[in-house]
Amino acid sequence: MITKYQKQWGFLARKFESGNLAHAFLFSGQDLGSITFFAKEFVKFLNCSDTQKPCGQCQNCKLIEKVYPVKSDSLSESVSSEAGQFNRGAFPDLFIVKSANSESSIKNEKDMMEIDVAQIREVNNFLSYKSYYGNCKIVIIENVERMNLEAQSCFLKTLEEPKGKTLIILITKNPEVLLPTIFSRCQTIKFFPFEKYKETQEEQETLQELLSIINSELATKFQYTKRVNLEGDNFNKILEVLQRYFRNLMLIKMGVIKQTSPSQFNNCPILRIKNIIRLIETLNTQISTTNASPKLALEILLMEL
């Protein structure tokens, strides 16, 4: 997964080797899984006693590998493949924040998609102690846009006055929803893969169903919003499918890519396509940052299409 991000890896490695690594980075991109994997591999790189690459043999490499087992990859194939506990956050100088670990998520036994202030206070407490191995204390916050306002406000002081050798990595699809004061205190690195995105069978089926619904009566659209599963990340997946479809359509209209199959929106003006994409992004932001109803948001979107 890292091979498509060689440019980003090279940039960060050079910064580290020259001693100019920033204390906070915002990793922005759509493929959160591979970006998170990239961040964890960079943790190994920073903590390896061989500063040129993860050697796989030193004490730090072996311990980190026990905490975060890696898959074979051109940037990590030299690291040992011992099974371990990395994803459980057992490496003492690394703290990972996920919305699934918030108080509300634990209470409801499902990911409530909110990072609360209690988790950020844990981060602050973690950073108040010295590094166990004498290197960086590292914090990774996944889906950082899920921090509620209280959590973001609490996090500001940490970003402004990091203690000791600290590295904070924020990972998000939607950096624009963060407080400007947080955004401005991080160095942004964008992750855009070069290869063409390949839709899964499930995504193709979702798109075909949505396209058929778009041409239907309002009553049919409302029936669809009632029966479709919008729990967890399902609503976001629907938005992503539609967003990708209309972005590709706009690129076709602009002559950037060739059309491979006819679309019911072929006669749609490019300005209208832009407005649809903007509406999808707005709804995505509202659902990520407020208690807005996914069902109502989907109804609004389908009525506009």
C-alpha atoms as a PDB file:
ATOM      1  CA  MET A   1       0.000   0.000   0.000  1.00  0.00           C
ATOM      2  CA  ILE A   2       2.952   2.344   0.550  1.00  0.00           C
ATOM      3  CA  THR A   3       4.418   1.979  -2.940  1.00  0.00           C
ATOM      4  CA  LYS A   4       1.877   4.432  -4.348  1.00  0.00           C
ATOM      5  CA  TYR A   5       2.993   7.018  -1.773  1.00  0.00           C
ATOM      6  CA  GLN A   6       6.741   7.022  -2.494  1.00  0.00           C
ATOM      7  CA  LYS A   7       6.794  10.804  -2.895  1.00  0.00           C
ATOM      8  CA  GLN A   8       5.236  11.385   0.525  1.00  0.00           C
ATOM      9  CA  TRP A   9       7.543   8.838   2.148  1.00  0.00           C
ATOM     10  CA  GLY A  10      10.629  10.434   0.592  1.00  0.00           C
ATOM     11  CA  PHE A  11       9.581  13.894   1.759  1.00  0.00           C
ATOM     12  CA  LEU A  12       9.052  12.788   5.378  1.00  0.00           C
ATOM     13  CA  ALA A  13      12.221  10.677   5.462  1.00  0.00           C
ATOM     14  CA  ARG A  14      14.345  13.602   4.237  1.00  0.00           C
ATOM     15  CA  LYS A  15      12.770  15.908   6.820  1.00  0.00           C
ATOM     16  CA  PHE A  16      13.534  13.414   9.583  1.00  0.00           C
ATOM     17  CA  GLU A  17      17.119  12.754   8.491  1.00  0.00           C
ATOM     18  CA  SER A  18      17.848  16.495   8.285  1.00  0.00           C
ATOM     19  CA  GLY A  19      16.320  17.131  11.713  1.00  0.00           C
ATOM     20  CA  ASN A  20      13.554  19.324  10.299  1.00  0.00           C
ATOM     21  CA  LEU A  21      10.526  17.112  10.901  1.00  0.00           C
ATOM     22  CA  ALA A  22       7.479  19.160  11.931  1.00  0.00           C
ATOM     23  CA  HIS A  23       5.755  18.276  15.199  1.00  0.00           C
ATOM     24  CA  ALA A  24       2.298  17.918  13.618  1.00  0.00           C
ATOM     25  CA  PHE A  25       1.140  16.615  10.236  1.00  0.00           C
ATOM     26  CA  LEU A  26      -2.289  16.404   8.641  1.00  0.00           C
ATOM     27  CA  PHE A  27      -2.488  13.409   6.313  1.00  0.00           C
ATOM     28  CA  SER A  28      -5.350  14.062   3.896  1.00  0.00           C
ATOM     29  CA  GLY A  29      -6.765  11.615   1.353  1.00  0.00           C
ATOM     30  CA  GLN A  30      -9.614   9.265   0.509  1.00  0.00           C
ATOM     31  CA  ASP A  31      -7.993   5.874   1.141  1.00  0.00           C
ATOM     32  CA  LEU A  32      -7.793   6.052   4.940  1.00  0.00           C
ATOM     33  CA  GLY A  33      -6.782   2.420   5.284  1.00  0.00           C
ATOM     34  CA  SER A  34      -3.578   2.777   3.285  1.00  0.00           C
ATOM     35  CA  ILE A  35      -2.823   6.211   4.795  1.00  0.00           C
ATOM     36  CA  THR A  36      -3.097   4.774   8.314  1.00  0.00           C
ATOM     37  CA  PHE A  37      -0.848   1.878   7.274  1.00  0.00           C
ATOM     38  CA  PHE A  38       1.626   4.435   5.898  1.00  0.00           C
ATOM     39  CA  ALA A  39       1.583   6.344   9.211  1.00  0.00           C
ATOM     40  CA  LYS A  40       2.277   3.176  11.202  1.00  0.00           C
ATOM     41  CA  GLU A  41       5.161   2.242   8.911  1.00  0.00           C
ATOM     42  CA  PHE A  42       6.611   5.713   9.433  1.00  0.00           C
ATOM     43  CA  VAL A  43       6.441   5.121  13.200  1.00  0.00           C
ATOM     44  CA  LYS A  44       8.672   2.090  12.663  1.00  0.00           C
ATOM     45  CA  PHE A  45      11.053   4.141  10.558  1.00  0.00           C
ATOM     46  CA  LEU A  46      11.348   6.805  13.262  1.00  0.00           C
ATOM     47  CA  ASN A  47      11.995   4.294  16.032  1.00  0.00           C
ATOM     48  CA  CYS A  48      14.467   2.053  14.234  1.00  0.00           C
ATOM     49  CA  SER A  49      18.029   2.297  15.580  1.00  0.00           C
ATOM     50  CA  ASP A  50      19.188   2.229  11.954  1.00  0.00           C
ATOM     51  CA  THR A  51      18.117   5.721  10.847  1.00  0.00           C
ATOM     52  CA  GLN A  52      18.330   4.877   7.146  1.00  0.00           C
ATOM     53  CA  LYS A  53      15.533   2.293   6.988  1.00  0.00           C
ATOM     54  CA  PRO A  54      13.688  -0.208   9.201  1.00  0.00           C
ATOM     55  CA  CYS A  55      16.356  -2.895   9.560  1.00  0.00           C
ATOM     56  CA  GLY A  56      14.117  -5.536  11.128  1.00  0.00           C
ATOM     57  CA  GLN A  57      16.909  -6.743  13.422  1.00  0.00           C
ATOM     58  CA  CYS A  58      17.435  -4.103  16.108  1.00  0.00           C
ATOM     59  CA  GLN A  59      15.587  -4.189  19.431  1.00  0.00           C
ATOM     60  CA  ASN A  60      13.222  -1.358  18.443  1.00  0.00           C
ATOM     61  CA  CYS A  61      12.303  -2.885  15.084  1.00  0.00           C
ATOM     62  CA  LYS A  62      11.531  -6.243  16.671  1.00  0.00           C
ATOM     63  CA  LEU A  63       9.422  -4.674  19.401  1.00  0.00           C
ATOM     64  CA  ILE A  64       7.511  -2.429  16.994  1.00  0.00           C
ATOM     65  CA  GLU A  65       6.887  -5.371  14.686  1.00  0.00           C
ATOM     66  CA  LYS A  66       5.387  -7.271  17.619  1.00  0.00           C
ATOM     67  CA  VAL A  67       3.060  -4.340  18.138  1.00  0.00           C
ATOM     68  CA  TYR A  68       2.246  -3.605  14.480  1.00  0.00           C
ATOM     69  CA  PRO A  69       2.731  -6.659  12.213  1.00  0.00           C
ATOM     70  CA  VAL A  70       3.209  -5.534   8.609  1.00  0.00           C
ATOM     71  CA  LYS A  71       2.285  -6.916   5.235  1.00  0.00           C
ATOM     72  CA  SER A  72       4.863  -7.485   2.518  1.00  0.00           C
ATOM     73  CA  ASP A  73       5.634  -4.187   0.811  1.00  0.00           C
ATOM     74  CA  SER A  74       8.582  -2.647  -1.003  1.00  0.00           C
ATOM     75  CA  LEU A  75       9.193  -0.290   1.897  1.00  0.00           C
ATOM     76  CA  SER A  76       8.749  -2.804   4.672  1.00  0.00           C
ATOM     77  CA  GLU A  77       9.732  -6.196   3.297  1.00  0.00           C
ATOM     78  CA  SER A  78      13.026  -6.012   5.221  1.00  0.00           C
ATOM     79  CA  VAL A  79      11.123  -5.835   8.519  1.00  0.00           C
ATOM     80  CA  SER A  80      10.557  -9.138  10.308  1.00  0.00           C
ATOM     81  CA  SER A  81       7.127 -10.733   9.924  1.00  0.00           C
ATOM     82  CA  GLU A  82       6.555 -11.848  13.524  1.00  0.00           C
ATOM     83  CA  ALA A  83       2.926 -11.759  14.606  1.00  0.00           C
ATOM     84  CA  GLY A  84       2.138  -9.279  17.354  1.00  0.00           C
ATOM     85  CA  GLN A  85       0.025  -6.638  19.035  1.00  0.00           C
ATOM     86  CA  PHE A  86       0.750  -3.375  17.162  1.00  0.00           C
ATOM     87  CA  ASN A  87      -2.877  -2.693  16.255  1.00  0.00           C
ATOM     88  CA  ARG A  88      -3.802  -2.972  19.916  1.00  0.00           C
ATOM     89  CA  GLY A  89      -1.580   0.028  20.651  1.00  0.00           C
ATOM     90  CA  ALA A  90       0.940  -1.796  22.869  1.00  0.00           C
ATOM     91  CA  PHE A  91       4.030   0.138  21.725  1.00  0.00           C
ATOM     92  CA  PRO A  92       4.768   2.434  24.711  1.00  0.00           C
ATOM     93  CA  ASP A  93       5.718   5.537  22.699  1.00  0.00           C
ATOM     94  CA  LEU A  94       2.680   5.410  20.407  1.00  0.00           C
ATOM     95  CA  PHE A  95      -0.916   6.402  21.193  1.00  0.00           C
ATOM     96  CA  ILE A  96      -3.685   5.821  18.637  1.00  0.00           C
ATOM     97  CA  VAL A  97      -7.039   7.590  18.873  1.00  0.00           C
ATOM     98  CA  LYS A  98     -10.138   6.127  17.194  1.00  0.00           C
ATOM     99  CA  SER A  99     -13.785   7.106  17.462  1.00  0.00           C
ATOM    100  CA  ALA A 100     -14.583   3.442  18.181  1.00  0.00           C
ATOM    101  CA  ASN A 101     -12.813   3.873  21.529  1.00  0.00           C
ATOM    102  CA  SER A 102     -14.838   6.870  22.705  1.00  0.00           C
ATOM    103  CA  GLU A 103     -17.029   6.611  25.801  1.00  0.00           C
ATOM    104  CA  SER A 104     -20.231   6.733  23.729  1.00  0.00           C
ATOM    105  CA  SER A 105     -18.969   4.014  21.365  1.00  0.00           C
ATOM    106  CA  ILE A 106     -18.011   1.705  24.210  1.00  0.00           C
ATOM    107  CA  LYS A 107     -21.338   2.346  25.949  1.00  0.00           C
ATOM    108  CA  ASN A 108     -23.386   1.611  22.813  1.00  0.00           C
ATOM    109  CA  GLU A 109     -21.094  -1.217  21.655  1.00  0.00           C
ATOM    110  CA  LYS A 110     -20.701   0.320  18.199  1.00  0.00           C
ATOM    111  CA  ASP A 111     -18.688   3.108  16.609  1.00  0.00           C
ATOM    112  CA  MET A 112     -20.621   6.328  17.313  1.00  0.00           C
ATOM    113  CA  MET A 113     -18.229   8.178  14.963  1.00  0.00           C
ATOM    114  CA  GLU A 114     -17.269  10.797  17.560  1.00  0.00           C
ATOM    115  CA  ILE A 115     -13.934  11.458  19.226  1.00  0.00           C
ATOM    116  CA  ASP A 116     -14.714  12.970  22.610  1.00  0.00           C
ATOM    117  CA  VAL A 117     -12.748  15.254  24.918  1.00  0.00           C
ATOM    118  CA  ALA A 118     -11.909  12.401  27.308  1.00  0.00           C
ATOM    119  CA  GLN A 119      -9.807  10.777  24.576  1.00  0.00           C
ATOM    120  CA  ILE A 120      -7.912  14.031  23.947  1.00  0.00           C
ATOM    121  CA  ARG A 121      -7.234  14.354  27.661  1.00  0.00           C
ATOM    122  CA  GLU A 122      -5.722  10.867  27.471  1.00  0.00           C
ATOM    123  CA  VAL A 123      -3.509  12.144  24.629  1.00  0.00           C
ATOM    124  CA  ASN A 124      -2.381  15.098  26.741  1.00  0.00           C
ATOM    125  CA  ASN A 125      -1.608  12.782  29.648  1.00  0.00           C
ATOM    126  CA  PHE A 126       0.318  10.407  27.362  1.00  0.00           C
ATOM    127  CA  LEU A 127       2.443  13.272  26.008  1.00  0.00           C
ATOM    128  CA  SER A 128       3.216  14.568  29.504  1.00  0.00           C
ATOM    129  CA  TYR A 129       5.562  11.602  30.092  1.00  0.00           C
ATOM    130  CA  LYS A 130       9.006  11.156  28.583  1.00  0.00           C
ATOM    131  CA  SER A 131       9.598   8.705  25.758  1.00  0.00           C
ATOM    132  CA  TYR A 132      10.138   5.141  26.978  1.00  0.00           C
ATOM    133  CA  TYR A 133      12.860   4.508  24.390  1.00  0.00           C
ATOM    134  CA  GLY A 134      14.230   8.036  24.209  1.00  0.00           C
ATOM    135  CA  ASN A 135      12.801   8.770  20.766  1.00  0.00           C
ATOM    136  CA  CYS A 136       9.570  10.560  19.795  1.00  0.00           C
ATOM    137  CA  LYS A 137       6.269  10.291  21.567  1.00  0.00           C
ATOM    138  CA  ILE A 138       3.850   9.755  18.700  1.00  0.00           C
ATOM    139  CA  VAL A 139       0.092  10.256  18.485  1.00  0.00           C
ATOM    140  CA  ILE A 140      -2.009   9.103  15.520  1.00  0.00           C
ATOM    141  CA  ILE A 141      -5.622  10.297  15.370  1.00  0.00           C
ATOM    142  CA  GLU A 142      -7.717   8.455  12.781  1.00  0.00           C
ATOM    143  CA  ASN A 143     -10.723  10.249  11.245  1.00  0.00           C
ATOM    144  CA  VAL A 144      -9.694  13.386  13.092  1.00  0.00           C
ATOM    145  CA  GLU A 145     -12.713  15.249  11.681  1.00  0.00           C
ATOM    146  CA  ARG A 146     -14.798  13.227  14.143  1.00  0.00           C
ATOM    147  CA  MET A 147     -13.434  15.210  17.076  1.00  0.00           C
ATOM    148  CA  ASN A 148     -16.291  17.184  18.589  1.00  0.00           C
ATOM    149  CA  LEU A 149     -15.804  20.900  19.241  1.00  0.00           C
ATOM    150  CA  GLU A 150     -14.878  20.378  22.888  1.00  0.00           C
ATOM    151  CA  ALA A 151     -12.232  17.839  21.890  1.00  0.00           C
ATOM    152  CA  GLN A 152     -10.826  20.126  19.191  1.00  0.00           C
ATOM    153  CA  SER A 153     -10.629  23.035  21.622  1.00  0.00           C
ATOM    154  CA  CYS A 154      -8.861  20.845  24.186  1.00  0.00           C
ATOM    155  CA  PHE A 155      -6.430  19.672  21.513  1.00  0.00           C
ATOM    156  CA  LEU A 156      -5.359  23.185  20.475  1.00  0.00           C
ATOM    157  CA  LYS A 157      -2.973  23.728  23.389  1.00  0.00           C
ATOM    158  CA  THR A 158      -1.230  20.444  22.625  1.00  0.00           C
ATOM    159  CA  LEU A 159      -0.666  21.551  19.041  1.00  0.00           C
ATOM    160  CA  GLU A 160       0.516  25.003  20.113  1.00  0.00           C
ATOM    161  CA  GLU A 161       2.924  23.845  22.831  1.00  0.00           C
ATOM    162  CA  PRO A 162       4.015  20.227  22.241  1.00  0.00           C
ATOM    163  CA  LYS A 163       6.066  18.777  25.075  1.00  0.00           C
ATOM    164  CA  GLY A 164       9.496  17.378  24.315  1.00  0.00           C
ATOM    165  CA  LYS A 165      10.060  15.260  21.211  1.00  0.00           C
ATOM    166  CA  THR A 166       6.518  14.869  19.941  1.00  0.00           C
ATOM    167  CA  LEU A 167       5.020  13.882  16.605  1.00  0.00           C
ATOM    168  CA  ILE A 168       1.285  14.172  15.993  1.00  0.00           C
ATOM    169  CA  ILE A 169      -0.288  12.666  12.860  1.00  0.00           C
ATOM    170  CA  LEU A 170      -3.889  13.562  12.054  1.00  0.00           C
ATOM    171  CA  ILE A 171      -5.614  11.461   9.376  1.00  0.00           C
ATOM    172  CA  THR A 172      -8.759  12.609   7.584  1.00  0.00           C
ATOM    173  CA  LYS A 173     -10.808  12.583   4.402  1.00  0.00           C
ATOM    174  CA  ASN A 174     -12.306  15.987   5.189  1.00  0.00           C
ATOM    175  CA  PRO A 175      -9.682  18.457   6.463  1.00  0.00           C
ATOM    176  CA  GLU A 176     -12.002  21.372   5.740  1.00  0.00           C
ATOM    177  CA  VAL A 177     -14.271  20.502   8.681  1.00  0.00           C
ATOM    178  CA  LEU A 178     -11.512  21.011  11.256  1.00  0.00           C
ATOM    179  CA  LEU A 179     -11.206  24.268  13.169  1.00  0.00           C
ATOM    180  CA  PRO A 180      -8.964  26.650  11.179  1.00  0.00           C
ATOM    181  CA  THR A 181      -6.744  26.986  14.250  1.00  0.00           C
ATOM    182  CA  ILE A 182      -6.022  23.244  14.172  1.00  0.00           C
ATOM    183  CA  PHE A 183      -5.578  23.123  10.408  1.00  0.00           C
ATOM    184  CA  SER A 184      -3.097  26.028  10.449  1.00  0.00           C
ATOM    185  CA  ARG A 185      -0.887  24.376  13.077  1.00  0.00           C
ATOM    186  CA  CYS A 186      -0.265  21.240  11.014  1.00  0.00           C
ATOM    187  CA  GLN A 187       1.784  20.630   7.909  1.00  0.00           C
ATOM    188  CA  THR A 188      -0.585  19.128   5.364  1.00  0.00           C
ATOM    189  CA  ILE A 189       0.461  16.188   3.216  1.00  0.00           C
ATOM    190  CA  LYS A 190      -2.006  15.026   0.583  1.00  0.00           C
ATOM    191  CA  PHE A 191      -2.258  11.385  -0.399  1.00  0.00           C
ATOM    192  CA  PHE A 192      -3.557  10.840  -3.904  1.00  0.00           C
ATOM    193  CA  PRO A 193      -2.713   7.497  -5.548  1.00  0.00           C
ATOM    194  CA  PHE A 194      -1.662   7.510  -9.188  1.00  0.00           C
ATOM    195  CA  GLU A 195      -3.426   4.349 -10.277  1.00  0.00           C
ATOM    196  CA  LYS A 196      -7.041   4.434 -11.409  1.00  0.00           C
ATOM    197  CA  TYR A 197      -9.488   3.579  -8.667  1.00  0.00           C
ATOM    198  CA  LYS A 198     -11.112   0.174  -9.122  1.00  0.00           C
ATOM    199  CA  GLU A 199     -14.651  -0.077  -7.831  1.00  0.00           C
ATOM    200  CA  THR A 200     -15.625  -3.155  -5.861  1.00  0.00           C
ATOM    201  CA  GLN A 201     -18.567  -5.296  -6.899  1.00  0.00           C
ATOM    202  CA  GLU A 202     -20.535  -3.883  -3.961  1.00  0.00           C
ATOM    203  CA  GLU A 203     -19.820  -0.291  -5.042  1.00  0.00           C
ATOM    204  CA  GLN A 204     -20.903  -1.055  -8.610  1.00  0.00           C
ATOM    205  CA  GLU A 205     -24.176  -2.568  -7.395  1.00  0.00           C
ATOM    206  CA  THR A 206     -24.775   0.410  -5.077  1.00  0.00           C
ATOM    207  CA  LEU A 207     -24.218   2.842  -7.951  1.00  0.00           C
ATOM    208  CA  GLN A 208     -26.552   0.993 -10.317  1.00  0.00           C
ATOM    209  CA  GLU A 209     -29.288   0.941  -7.690  1.00  0.00           C
ATOM    210  CA  LEU A 210     -28.833   4.654  -6.990  1.00  0.00           C
ATOM    211  CA  LEU A 211     -28.951   5.551 -10.683  1.00  0.00           C
ATOM    212  CA  SER A 212     -32.222   3.665 -11.061  1.00  0.00           C
ATOM    213  CA  ILE A 213     -33.649   5.401  -7.974  1.00  0.00           C
ATOM    214  CA  ILE A 214     -32.647   8.847  -9.266  1.00  0.00           C
ATOM    215  CA  ASN A 215     -35.003   8.417 -12.250  1.00  0.00           C
ATOM    216  CA  SER A 216     -37.907   7.335 -10.040  1.00  0.00           C
ATOM    217  CA  GLU A 217     -40.856   9.148  -8.499  1.00  0.00           C
ATOM    218  CA  LEU A 218     -40.387  10.923  -5.161  1.00  0.00           C
ATOM    219  CA  ALA A 219     -42.350   8.200  -3.383  1.00  0.00           C
ATOM    220  CA  THR A 220     -39.905   5.571  -4.634  1.00  0.00           C
ATOM    221  CA  LYS A 221     -36.970   7.688  -3.473  1.00  0.00           C
ATOM    222  CA  PHE A 222     -38.466   8.012   0.000  1.00  0.00           C
ATOM    223  CA  GLN A 223     -39.090   4.261   0.134  1.00  0.00           C
ATOM    224  CA  TYR A 224     -35.444   3.698  -0.740  1.00  0.00           C
ATOM    225  CA  THR A 225     -34.218   5.938   2.097  1.00  0.00           C
ATOM    226  CA  LYS A 226     -36.441   3.990   4.525  1.00  0.00           C
ATOM    227  CA  ARG A 227     -35.168   0.533   3.589  1.00  0.00           C
ATOM    228  CA  VAL A 228     -31.488   1.196   2.849  1.00  0.00           C
ATOM    229  CA  ASN A 229     -29.022   0.527   5.677  1.00  0.00           C
ATOM    230  CA  LEU A 230     -27.474   3.838   6.770  1.00  0.00           C
ATOM    231  CA  GLU A 231     -25.825   2.570   9.965  1.00  0.00           C
ATOM    232  CA  GLY A 232     -22.112   3.034  10.627  1.00  0.00           C
ATOM    233  CA  ASP A 233     -20.161   4.054   7.517  1.00  0.00           C
ATOM    234  CA  ASN A 234     -22.870   2.918   5.058  1.00  0.00           C
ATOM    235  CA  PHE A 235     -24.170   6.443   4.447  1.00  0.00           C
ATOM    236  CA  ASN A 236     -20.616   7.689   3.813  1.00  0.00           C
ATOM    237  CA  LYS A 237     -20.093   4.844   1.335  1.00  0.00           C
ATOM    238  CA  ILE A 238     -23.199   5.915  -0.600  1.00  0.00           C
ATOM    239  CA  LEU A 239     -21.915   9.493  -0.729  1.00  0.00           C
ATOM    240  CA  GLU A 240     -18.479   8.321  -1.870  1.00  0.00           C
ATOM    241  CA  VAL A 241     -19.995   6.257  -4.696  1.00  0.00           C
ATOM    242  CA  LEU A 242     -22.054   9.205  -5.930  1.00  0.00           C
ATOM    243  CA  GLN A 243     -19.211  11.675  -5.473  1.00  0.00           C
ATOM    244  CA  ARG A 244     -16.843   9.504  -7.519  1.00  0.00           C
ATOM    245  CA  TYR A 245     -19.469   9.055 -10.239  1.00  0.00           C
ATOM    246  CA  PHE A 246     -20.126  12.793 -10.644  1.00  0.00           C
ATOM    247  CA  ARG A 247     -16.446  13.717 -10.428  1.00  0.00           C
ATOM    248  CA  ASN A 248     -15.689  11.310 -13.259  1.00  0.00           C
ATOM    249  CA  LEU A 249     -18.606  12.745 -15.207  1.00  0.00           C
ATOM    250  CA  MET A 250     -17.213  16.263 -14.738  1.00  0.00           C
ATOM    251  CA  LEU A 251     -13.782  15.127 -15.955  1.00  0.00           C
ATOM    252  CA  ILE A 252     -15.464  13.611 -19.016  1.00  0.00           C
ATOM    253  CA  LYS A 253     -17.269  16.907 -19.673  1.00  0.00           C
ATOM    254  CA  MET A 254     -13.934  18.740 -19.405  1.00  0.00           C
ATOM    255  CA  GLY A 255     -12.281  16.321 -21.832  1.00  0.00           C
ATOM    256  CA  VAL A 256      -9.780  15.056 -19.246  1.00  0.00           C
ATOM    257  CA  ILE A 257     -10.844  11.403 -19.471  1.00  0.00           C
ATOM    258  CA  LYS A 258     -12.784   9.394 -22.045  1.00  0.00           C
ATOM    259  CA  GLN A 259     -16.285   8.122 -21.455  1.00  0.00           C
ATOM    260  CA  THR A 260     -16.472   4.343 -21.440  1.00  0.00           C
ATOM    261  CA  SER A 261     -20.227   3.951 -20.999  1.00  0.00           C
ATOM    262  CA  PRO A 262     -23.293   6.180 -21.579  1.00  0.00           C
ATOM    263  CA  SER A 263     -24.681   8.162 -18.652  1.00  0.00           C
ATOM    264  CA  GLN A 264     -28.156   9.515 -17.968  1.00  0.00           C
ATOM    265  CA  PHE A 265     -26.421  12.777 -17.024  1.00  0.00           C
ATOM    266  CA  ASN A 266     -24.690  13.247 -20.382  1.00  0.00           C
ATOM    267  CA  ASN A 267     -26.810  16.322 -21.150  1.00  0.00           C
ATOM    268  CA  CYS A 268     -26.380  17.760 -17.668  1.00  0.00           C
ATOM    269  CA  PRO A 269     -24.534  21.147 -17.699  1.00  0.00           C
ATOM    270  CA  ILE A 270     -21.139  21.102 -16.016  1.00  0.00           C
ATOM    271  CA  LEU A 271     -22.271  23.816 -13.574  1.00  0.00           C
ATOM    272  CA  ARG A 272     -25.073  21.570 -12.328  1.00  0.00           C
ATOM    273  CA  ILE A 273     -22.625  18.685 -11.893  1.00  0.00           C
ATOM    274  CA  LYS A 274     -20.378  20.966  -9.823  1.00  0.00           C
ATOM    275  CA  ASN A 275     -23.355  21.945  -7.661  1.00  0.00           C
ATOM    276  CA  ILE A 276     -24.222  18.263  -7.095  1.00  0.00           C
ATOM    277  CA  ILE A 277     -20.636  17.516  -6.012  1.00  0.00           C
ATOM    278  CA  ARG A 278     -20.713  20.534  -3.700  1.00  0.00           C
ATOM    279  CA  LEU A 279     -24.014  19.346  -2.168  1.00  0.00           C
ATOM    280  CA  ILE A 280     -22.562  15.863  -1.563  1.00  0.00           C
ATOM    281  CA  GLU A 281     -19.514  17.394   0.163  1.00  0.00           C
ATOM    282  CA  THR A 282     -21.744  19.664   2.288  1.00  0.00           C
ATOM    283  CA  LEU A 283     -23.938  16.770   3.417  1.00  0.00           C
ATOM    284  CA  ASN A 284     -20.863  14.686   4.198  1.00  0.00           C
ATOM    285  CA  THR A 285     -19.473  17.485   6.372  1.00  0.00           C
ATOM    286  CA  GLN A 286     -22.757  17.969   8.229  1.00  0.00           C
ATOM    287  CA  ILE A 287     -23.125  14.269   8.974  1.00  0.00           C
ATOM    288  CA  SER A 288     -19.491  14.060  10.152  1.00  0.00           C
ATOM    289  CA  THR A 289     -19.698  17.068  12.472  1.00  0.00           C
ATOM    290  CA  THR A 290     -23.312  17.216  13.688  1.00  0.00           C
ATOM    291  CA  ASN A 291     -26.157  14.944  14.766  1.00  0.00           C
ATOM    292  CA  ALA A 292     -27.910  15.423  11.429  1.00  0.00           C
ATOM    293  CA  SER A 293     -30.024  12.481  10.240  1.00  0.00           C
ATOM    294  CA  PRO A 294     -28.405  10.428   7.428  1.00  0.00           C
ATOM    295  CA  LYS A 295     -31.906   9.484   6.229  1.00  0.00           C
ATOM    296  CA  LEU A 296     -32.943  13.139   5.913  1.00  0.00           C
ATOM    297  CA  ALA A 297     -29.645  14.013   4.225  1.00  0.00           C
ATOM    298  CA  LEU A 298     -30.138  11.221   1.666  1.00  0.00           C
ATOM    299  CA  GLU A 299     -33.701  12.375   1.002  1.00  0.00           C
ATOM    300  CA  ILE A 300     -32.450  15.917   0.324  1.00  0.00           C
ATOM    301  CA  LEU A 301     -29.758  14.613  -2.033  1.00  0.00           C
ATOM    302  CA  LEU A 302     -32.113  12.366  -4.015  1.00  0.00           C
ATOM    303  CA  MET A 303     -34.676  15.175  -4.393  1.00  0.00           C
ATOM    304  CA  GLU A 304     -31.959  17.392  -5.881  1.00  0.00           C
ATOM    305  CA  LEU A 305     -30.782  14.800  -8.403  1.00  0.00           C
END
